[in-house]
Amino acid sequence: MTEAEINSINKELESLYEDYMKARKRMVELNAKLGDTIVSQDYEFTSLDGGKVKLSEMFGSKKNLFVIHNMGKSCSYCTMWADGINGIYKYLEGRGKSAVVLIAGDDLETHRQFKNSRGWTMTSYSAKENDFTKEMGFQGGENFYPGVSVFEKTDDGKIRRINKEWFGPTDPYCPVWHFLELLPHEDITMNS
């Protein structure tokens, strides 16, 4: 490859990265418009130790709350996302403005056992006991869908979702996809 060809490829890559960053910013803005909603009630969840916790209490002293919508033990993708988020949630909380919880589609005991087997330390709850996940659009019938909702407490005490996004292959929330893309002929859907 000539130096001119290398320079041309680098220039095209730079342009593509700029286009991608603009498109990603626009995607976040559009998801915020779709996700903007006041939560209808202060849902109550059972913590893994059996105590009751309201959605409003999950914020602790923080202004914002990231809720990771996780399908549960049967989804290898969701396990991979949760493994990664478990490694970064302290950074999100460390900014001082956000709490992070995982809401799983499994019953409480299944989720407790699976969480322990994975070594997850982030706070988590089962989503089986109420309609929170359905109201947020991450459940249809008995099927749960992966993603994230971001909430804030409003000045009048309401809980408002300010953003949301689905998780899926090649999304920016799991770097594994991007490493696999670098391999020739790799099936990034990880069906094997």
C-alpha atoms as a PDB file:
ATOM      1  CA  MET A   1       0.000   0.000   0.000  1.00  0.00           C
ATOM      2  CA  THR A   2       1.358   3.392  -0.942  1.00  0.00           C
ATOM      3  CA  GLU A   3       1.648   6.341   1.427  1.00  0.00           C
ATOM      4  CA  ALA A   4      -1.038   8.135  -0.583  1.00  0.00           C
ATOM      5  CA  GLU A   5      -3.419   5.167  -0.158  1.00  0.00           C
ATOM      6  CA  ILE A   6      -2.721   5.041   3.591  1.00  0.00           C
ATOM      7  CA  ASN A   7      -3.375   8.776   3.899  1.00  0.00           C
ATOM      8  CA  SER A   8      -6.592   8.452   1.910  1.00  0.00           C
ATOM      9  CA  ILE A   9      -7.835   5.617   4.151  1.00  0.00           C
ATOM     10  CA  ASN A  10      -6.922   7.548   7.304  1.00  0.00           C
ATOM     11  CA  LYS A  11      -8.752  10.610   5.998  1.00  0.00           C
ATOM     12  CA  GLU A  12     -11.857   8.540   5.213  1.00  0.00           C
ATOM     13  CA  LEU A  13     -11.711   6.906   8.670  1.00  0.00           C
ATOM     14  CA  GLU A  14     -11.475  10.324  10.334  1.00  0.00           C
ATOM     15  CA  SER A  15     -14.525  11.482   8.406  1.00  0.00           C
ATOM     16  CA  LEU A  16     -16.448   8.314   9.316  1.00  0.00           C
ATOM     17  CA  TYR A  17     -15.617   8.750  13.029  1.00  0.00           C
ATOM     18  CA  GLU A  18     -16.884  12.335  12.889  1.00  0.00           C
ATOM     19  CA  ASP A  19     -20.088  11.188  11.160  1.00  0.00           C
ATOM     20  CA  TYR A  20     -20.517   8.424  13.724  1.00  0.00           C
ATOM     21  CA  MET A  21     -20.115  10.813  16.675  1.00  0.00           C
ATOM     22  CA  LYS A  22     -22.716  13.174  15.180  1.00  0.00           C
ATOM     23  CA  ALA A  23     -25.109  10.273  14.514  1.00  0.00           C
ATOM     24  CA  ARG A  24     -24.570   8.878  18.034  1.00  0.00           C
ATOM     25  CA  LYS A  25     -25.315  12.267  19.594  1.00  0.00           C
ATOM     26  CA  ARG A  26     -28.515  12.502  17.550  1.00  0.00           C
ATOM     27  CA  MET A  27     -29.541   8.974  18.565  1.00  0.00           C
ATOM     28  CA  VAL A  28     -29.175   9.893  22.249  1.00  0.00           C
ATOM     29  CA  GLU A  29     -31.283  13.030  21.681  1.00  0.00           C
ATOM     30  CA  LEU A  30     -34.042  11.062  19.916  1.00  0.00           C
ATOM     31  CA  ASN A  31     -34.067   8.341  22.591  1.00  0.00           C
ATOM     32  CA  ALA A  32     -34.443  11.076  25.210  1.00  0.00           C
ATOM     33  CA  LYS A  33     -37.541  12.355  23.402  1.00  0.00           C
ATOM     34  CA  LEU A  34     -39.026   8.858  23.221  1.00  0.00           C
ATOM     35  CA  GLY A  35     -38.085   8.050  26.809  1.00  0.00           C
ATOM     36  CA  ASP A  36     -39.342  11.249  28.423  1.00  0.00           C
ATOM     37  CA  THR A  37     -42.176  10.251  30.730  1.00  0.00           C
ATOM     38  CA  ILE A  38     -43.398  10.622  34.296  1.00  0.00           C
ATOM     39  CA  VAL A  39     -43.542   7.230  36.027  1.00  0.00           C
ATOM     40  CA  SER A  40     -47.160   6.496  36.966  1.00  0.00           C
ATOM     41  CA  GLN A  41     -46.405   5.276  40.504  1.00  0.00           C
ATOM     42  CA  ASP A  42     -43.620   4.757  43.012  1.00  0.00           C
ATOM     43  CA  TYR A  43     -43.193   1.044  42.307  1.00  0.00           C
ATOM     44  CA  GLU A  44     -42.169  -1.259  45.133  1.00  0.00           C
ATOM     45  CA  PHE A  45     -39.572  -4.002  44.664  1.00  0.00           C
ATOM     46  CA  THR A  46     -38.231  -6.762  46.878  1.00  0.00           C
ATOM     47  CA  SER A  47     -34.511  -6.572  47.497  1.00  0.00           C
ATOM     48  CA  LEU A  48     -32.417  -9.729  47.414  1.00  0.00           C
ATOM     49  CA  ASP A  49     -32.428  -9.810  51.220  1.00  0.00           C
ATOM     50  CA  GLY A  50     -36.260  -9.800  51.238  1.00  0.00           C
ATOM     51  CA  GLY A  51     -36.801  -6.146  52.194  1.00  0.00           C
ATOM     52  CA  LYS A  52     -39.142  -3.799  50.335  1.00  0.00           C
ATOM     53  CA  VAL A  53     -37.688  -0.866  48.384  1.00  0.00           C
ATOM     54  CA  LYS A  54     -39.576   1.799  46.438  1.00  0.00           C
ATOM     55  CA  LEU A  55     -38.298   3.156  43.144  1.00  0.00           C
ATOM     56  CA  SER A  56     -37.855   6.573  44.780  1.00  0.00           C
ATOM     57  CA  GLU A  57     -35.604   5.005  47.434  1.00  0.00           C
ATOM     58  CA  MET A  58     -33.295   3.488  44.808  1.00  0.00           C
ATOM     59  CA  PHE A  59     -31.951   6.977  44.114  1.00  0.00           C
ATOM     60  CA  GLY A  60     -30.536   7.236  47.629  1.00  0.00           C
ATOM     61  CA  SER A  61     -29.247  10.802  47.866  1.00  0.00           C
ATOM     62  CA  LYS A  62     -28.618  11.013  44.095  1.00  0.00           C
ATOM     63  CA  LYS A  63     -30.487  13.116  41.539  1.00  0.00           C
ATOM     64  CA  ASN A  64     -30.391  10.446  38.811  1.00  0.00           C
ATOM     65  CA  LEU A  65     -30.895   6.704  38.615  1.00  0.00           C
ATOM     66  CA  PHE A  66     -29.729   4.306  35.893  1.00  0.00           C
ATOM     67  CA  VAL A  67     -31.976   1.233  35.716  1.00  0.00           C
ATOM     68  CA  ILE A  68     -30.493  -1.623  33.715  1.00  0.00           C
ATOM     69  CA  HIS A  69     -33.311  -3.742  32.254  1.00  0.00           C
ATOM     70  CA  ASN A  70     -31.992  -7.319  32.169  1.00  0.00           C
ATOM     71  CA  MET A  71     -33.875 -10.300  30.728  1.00  0.00           C
ATOM     72  CA  GLY A  72     -32.363 -12.669  33.292  1.00  0.00           C
ATOM     73  CA  LYS A  73     -30.327 -15.825  33.597  1.00  0.00           C
ATOM     74  CA  SER A  74     -31.486 -17.372  30.308  1.00  0.00           C
ATOM     75  CA  CYS A  75     -30.070 -14.547  28.166  1.00  0.00           C
ATOM     76  CA  SER A  76     -26.338 -14.835  27.462  1.00  0.00           C
ATOM     77  CA  TYR A  77     -26.307 -11.315  25.988  1.00  0.00           C
ATOM     78  CA  CYS A  78     -27.863  -9.842  29.130  1.00  0.00           C
ATOM     79  CA  THR A  79     -25.310 -11.705  31.228  1.00  0.00           C
ATOM     80  CA  MET A  80     -22.515 -10.189  29.133  1.00  0.00           C
ATOM     81  CA  TRP A  81     -23.947  -6.670  29.476  1.00  0.00           C
ATOM     82  CA  ALA A  82     -24.410  -7.094  33.225  1.00  0.00           C
ATOM     83  CA  ASP A  83     -20.854  -8.439  33.589  1.00  0.00           C
ATOM     84  CA  GLY A  84     -19.573  -5.292  31.900  1.00  0.00           C
ATOM     85  CA  ILE A  85     -21.849  -2.885  33.764  1.00  0.00           C
ATOM     86  CA  ASN A  86     -20.850  -4.527  37.043  1.00  0.00           C
ATOM     87  CA  GLY A  87     -17.304  -3.439  36.197  1.00  0.00           C
ATOM     88  CA  ILE A  88     -18.228   0.219  35.596  1.00  0.00           C
ATOM     89  CA  TYR A  89     -21.228   1.038  37.790  1.00  0.00           C
ATOM     90  CA  LYS A  90     -19.026   2.448  40.562  1.00  0.00           C
ATOM     91  CA  TYR A  91     -17.683   5.034  38.101  1.00  0.00           C
ATOM     92  CA  LEU A  92     -21.237   6.106  37.263  1.00  0.00           C
ATOM     93  CA  GLU A  93     -22.121   6.340  40.948  1.00  0.00           C
ATOM     94  CA  GLY A  94     -18.790   7.983  41.735  1.00  0.00           C
ATOM     95  CA  ARG A  95     -19.727  11.054  39.721  1.00  0.00           C
ATOM     96  CA  GLY A  96     -21.907  11.872  42.724  1.00  0.00           C
ATOM     97  CA  LYS A  97     -25.160  12.395  40.824  1.00  0.00           C
ATOM     98  CA  SER A  98     -26.302   8.895  39.844  1.00  0.00           C
ATOM     99  CA  ALA A  99     -27.262   5.581  41.371  1.00  0.00           C
ATOM    100  CA  VAL A 100     -27.257   2.337  39.365  1.00  0.00           C
ATOM    101  CA  VAL A 101     -29.511  -0.707  39.791  1.00  0.00           C
ATOM    102  CA  LEU A 102     -30.192  -3.801  37.713  1.00  0.00           C
ATOM    103  CA  ILE A 103     -33.763  -5.071  37.307  1.00  0.00           C
ATOM    104  CA  ALA A 104     -33.857  -8.723  36.178  1.00  0.00           C
ATOM    105  CA  GLY A 105     -36.695 -10.636  34.546  1.00  0.00           C
ATOM    106  CA  ASP A 106     -36.129 -13.666  36.792  1.00  0.00           C
ATOM    107  CA  ASP A 107     -37.939 -14.462  40.016  1.00  0.00           C
ATOM    108  CA  LEU A 108     -36.151 -13.302  43.160  1.00  0.00           C
ATOM    109  CA  GLU A 109     -34.476 -16.607  44.089  1.00  0.00           C
ATOM    110  CA  THR A 110     -33.280 -17.379  40.544  1.00  0.00           C
ATOM    111  CA  HIS A 111     -31.881 -13.864  40.264  1.00  0.00           C
ATOM    112  CA  ARG A 112     -30.182 -14.043  43.681  1.00  0.00           C
ATOM    113  CA  GLN A 113     -28.440 -17.319  42.824  1.00  0.00           C
ATOM    114  CA  PHE A 114     -27.403 -16.151  39.354  1.00  0.00           C
ATOM    115  CA  LYS A 115     -26.133 -12.784  40.587  1.00  0.00           C
ATOM    116  CA  ASN A 116     -24.010 -14.527  43.213  1.00  0.00           C
ATOM    117  CA  SER A 117     -22.654 -17.018  40.664  1.00  0.00           C
ATOM    118  CA  ARG A 118     -21.522 -14.093  38.447  1.00  0.00           C
ATOM    119  CA  GLY A 119     -19.992 -12.098  41.310  1.00  0.00           C
ATOM    120  CA  TRP A 120     -22.113  -9.024  40.581  1.00  0.00           C
ATOM    121  CA  THR A 121     -21.887  -6.427  43.335  1.00  0.00           C
ATOM    122  CA  MET A 122     -24.289  -3.844  41.918  1.00  0.00           C
ATOM    123  CA  THR A 123     -27.674  -3.475  43.581  1.00  0.00           C
ATOM    124  CA  SER A 124     -30.369  -5.482  41.851  1.00  0.00           C
ATOM    125  CA  TYR A 125     -33.996  -6.542  42.068  1.00  0.00           C
ATOM    126  CA  SER A 126     -36.395  -8.933  40.367  1.00  0.00           C
ATOM    127  CA  ALA A 127     -38.824  -7.369  37.879  1.00  0.00           C
ATOM    128  CA  LYS A 128     -41.346 -10.216  38.187  1.00  0.00           C
ATOM    129  CA  GLU A 129     -43.493  -8.667  40.921  1.00  0.00           C
ATOM    130  CA  ASN A 130     -44.876  -5.507  39.320  1.00  0.00           C
ATOM    131  CA  ASP A 131     -45.563  -3.764  35.987  1.00  0.00           C
ATOM    132  CA  PHE A 132     -42.618  -1.343  36.136  1.00  0.00           C
ATOM    133  CA  THR A 133     -40.710  -3.003  33.271  1.00  0.00           C
ATOM    134  CA  LYS A 134     -43.877  -3.146  31.163  1.00  0.00           C
ATOM    135  CA  GLU A 135     -44.629   0.556  31.791  1.00  0.00           C
ATOM    136  CA  MET A 136     -41.073   1.426  30.752  1.00  0.00           C
ATOM    137  CA  GLY A 137     -41.524  -0.521  27.481  1.00  0.00           C
ATOM    138  CA  PHE A 138     -39.025  -3.285  28.248  1.00  0.00           C
ATOM    139  CA  GLN A 139     -41.575  -6.089  28.618  1.00  0.00           C
ATOM    140  CA  GLY A 140     -44.202  -7.509  26.297  1.00  0.00           C
ATOM    141  CA  GLY A 141     -46.306 -10.282  27.794  1.00  0.00           C
ATOM    142  CA  GLU A 142     -43.868 -12.577  29.604  1.00  0.00           C
ATOM    143  CA  ASN A 143     -40.905 -11.440  27.474  1.00  0.00           C
ATOM    144  CA  PHE A 144     -38.402  -8.993  28.931  1.00  0.00           C
ATOM    145  CA  TYR A 145     -36.111  -6.861  26.756  1.00  0.00           C
ATOM    146  CA  PRO A 146     -32.646  -5.494  27.566  1.00  0.00           C
ATOM    147  CA  GLY A 147     -31.787  -1.837  27.831  1.00  0.00           C
ATOM    148  CA  VAL A 148     -31.365   1.107  30.146  1.00  0.00           C
ATOM    149  CA  SER A 149     -33.683   3.793  31.508  1.00  0.00           C
ATOM    150  CA  VAL A 150     -32.371   6.960  33.145  1.00  0.00           C
ATOM    151  CA  PHE A 151     -34.535   8.684  35.752  1.00  0.00           C
ATOM    152  CA  GLU A 152     -34.436  11.895  37.719  1.00  0.00           C
ATOM    153  CA  LYS A 153     -36.349  13.093  40.735  1.00  0.00           C
ATOM    154  CA  THR A 154     -38.227  16.259  39.853  1.00  0.00           C
ATOM    155  CA  ASP A 155     -38.453  19.241  42.203  1.00  0.00           C
ATOM    156  CA  ASP A 156     -42.086  18.337  42.941  1.00  0.00           C
ATOM    157  CA  GLY A 157     -41.136  14.785  44.017  1.00  0.00           C
ATOM    158  CA  LYS A 158     -42.133  12.921  40.861  1.00  0.00           C
ATOM    159  CA  ILE A 159     -39.946  10.413  39.076  1.00  0.00           C
ATOM    160  CA  ARG A 160     -39.335  11.270  35.439  1.00  0.00           C
ATOM    161  CA  ARG A 161     -37.584   9.073  32.913  1.00  0.00           C
ATOM    162  CA  ILE A 162     -35.260  11.352  30.972  1.00  0.00           C
ATOM    163  CA  ASN A 163     -33.695   8.848  28.580  1.00  0.00           C
ATOM    164  CA  LYS A 164     -33.789   5.242  27.475  1.00  0.00           C
ATOM    165  CA  GLU A 165     -32.027   2.960  25.057  1.00  0.00           C
ATOM    166  CA  TRP A 166     -32.302  -0.648  23.945  1.00  0.00           C
ATOM    167  CA  PHE A 167     -29.354  -3.022  24.155  1.00  0.00           C
ATOM    168  CA  GLY A 168     -28.506  -5.162  21.130  1.00  0.00           C
ATOM    169  CA  PRO A 169     -25.597  -6.603  19.139  1.00  0.00           C
ATOM    170  CA  THR A 170     -22.935  -3.989  18.293  1.00  0.00           C
ATOM    171  CA  ASP A 171     -24.381  -1.426  20.722  1.00  0.00           C
ATOM    172  CA  PRO A 172     -21.989   0.923  22.537  1.00  0.00           C
ATOM    173  CA  TYR A 173     -22.772  -0.602  25.962  1.00  0.00           C
ATOM    174  CA  CYS A 174     -20.721  -3.767  25.489  1.00  0.00           C
ATOM    175  CA  PRO A 175     -17.211  -3.618  24.037  1.00  0.00           C
ATOM    176  CA  VAL A 176     -17.176  -7.368  23.352  1.00  0.00           C
ATOM    177  CA  TRP A 177     -19.148  -6.780  20.142  1.00  0.00           C
ATOM    178  CA  HIS A 178     -16.516  -4.398  18.820  1.00  0.00           C
ATOM    179  CA  PHE A 179     -13.631  -6.757  19.539  1.00  0.00           C
ATOM    180  CA  LEU A 180     -15.496  -9.544  17.712  1.00  0.00           C
ATOM    181  CA  GLU A 181     -16.084  -7.251  14.727  1.00  0.00           C
ATOM    182  CA  LEU A 182     -12.307  -7.019  14.307  1.00  0.00           C
ATOM    183  CA  LEU A 183     -12.037 -10.758  13.603  1.00  0.00           C
ATOM    184  CA  PRO A 184     -12.534 -11.926  10.026  1.00  0.00           C
ATOM    185  CA  HIS A 185     -15.789 -13.807   9.454  1.00  0.00           C
ATOM    186  CA  GLU A 186     -16.785 -13.683  13.133  1.00  0.00           C
ATOM    187  CA  ASP A 187     -20.440 -14.275  13.949  1.00  0.00           C
ATOM    188  CA  ILE A 188     -21.003 -11.354  16.320  1.00  0.00           C
ATOM    189  CA  THR A 189     -24.417 -12.654  17.338  1.00  0.00           C
ATOM    190  CA  MET A 190     -22.514 -15.120  19.557  1.00  0.00           C
ATOM    191  CA  ASN A 191     -24.882 -17.990  18.798  1.00  0.00           C
ATOM    192  CA  SER A 192     -22.191 -20.545  19.478  1.00  0.00           C
END
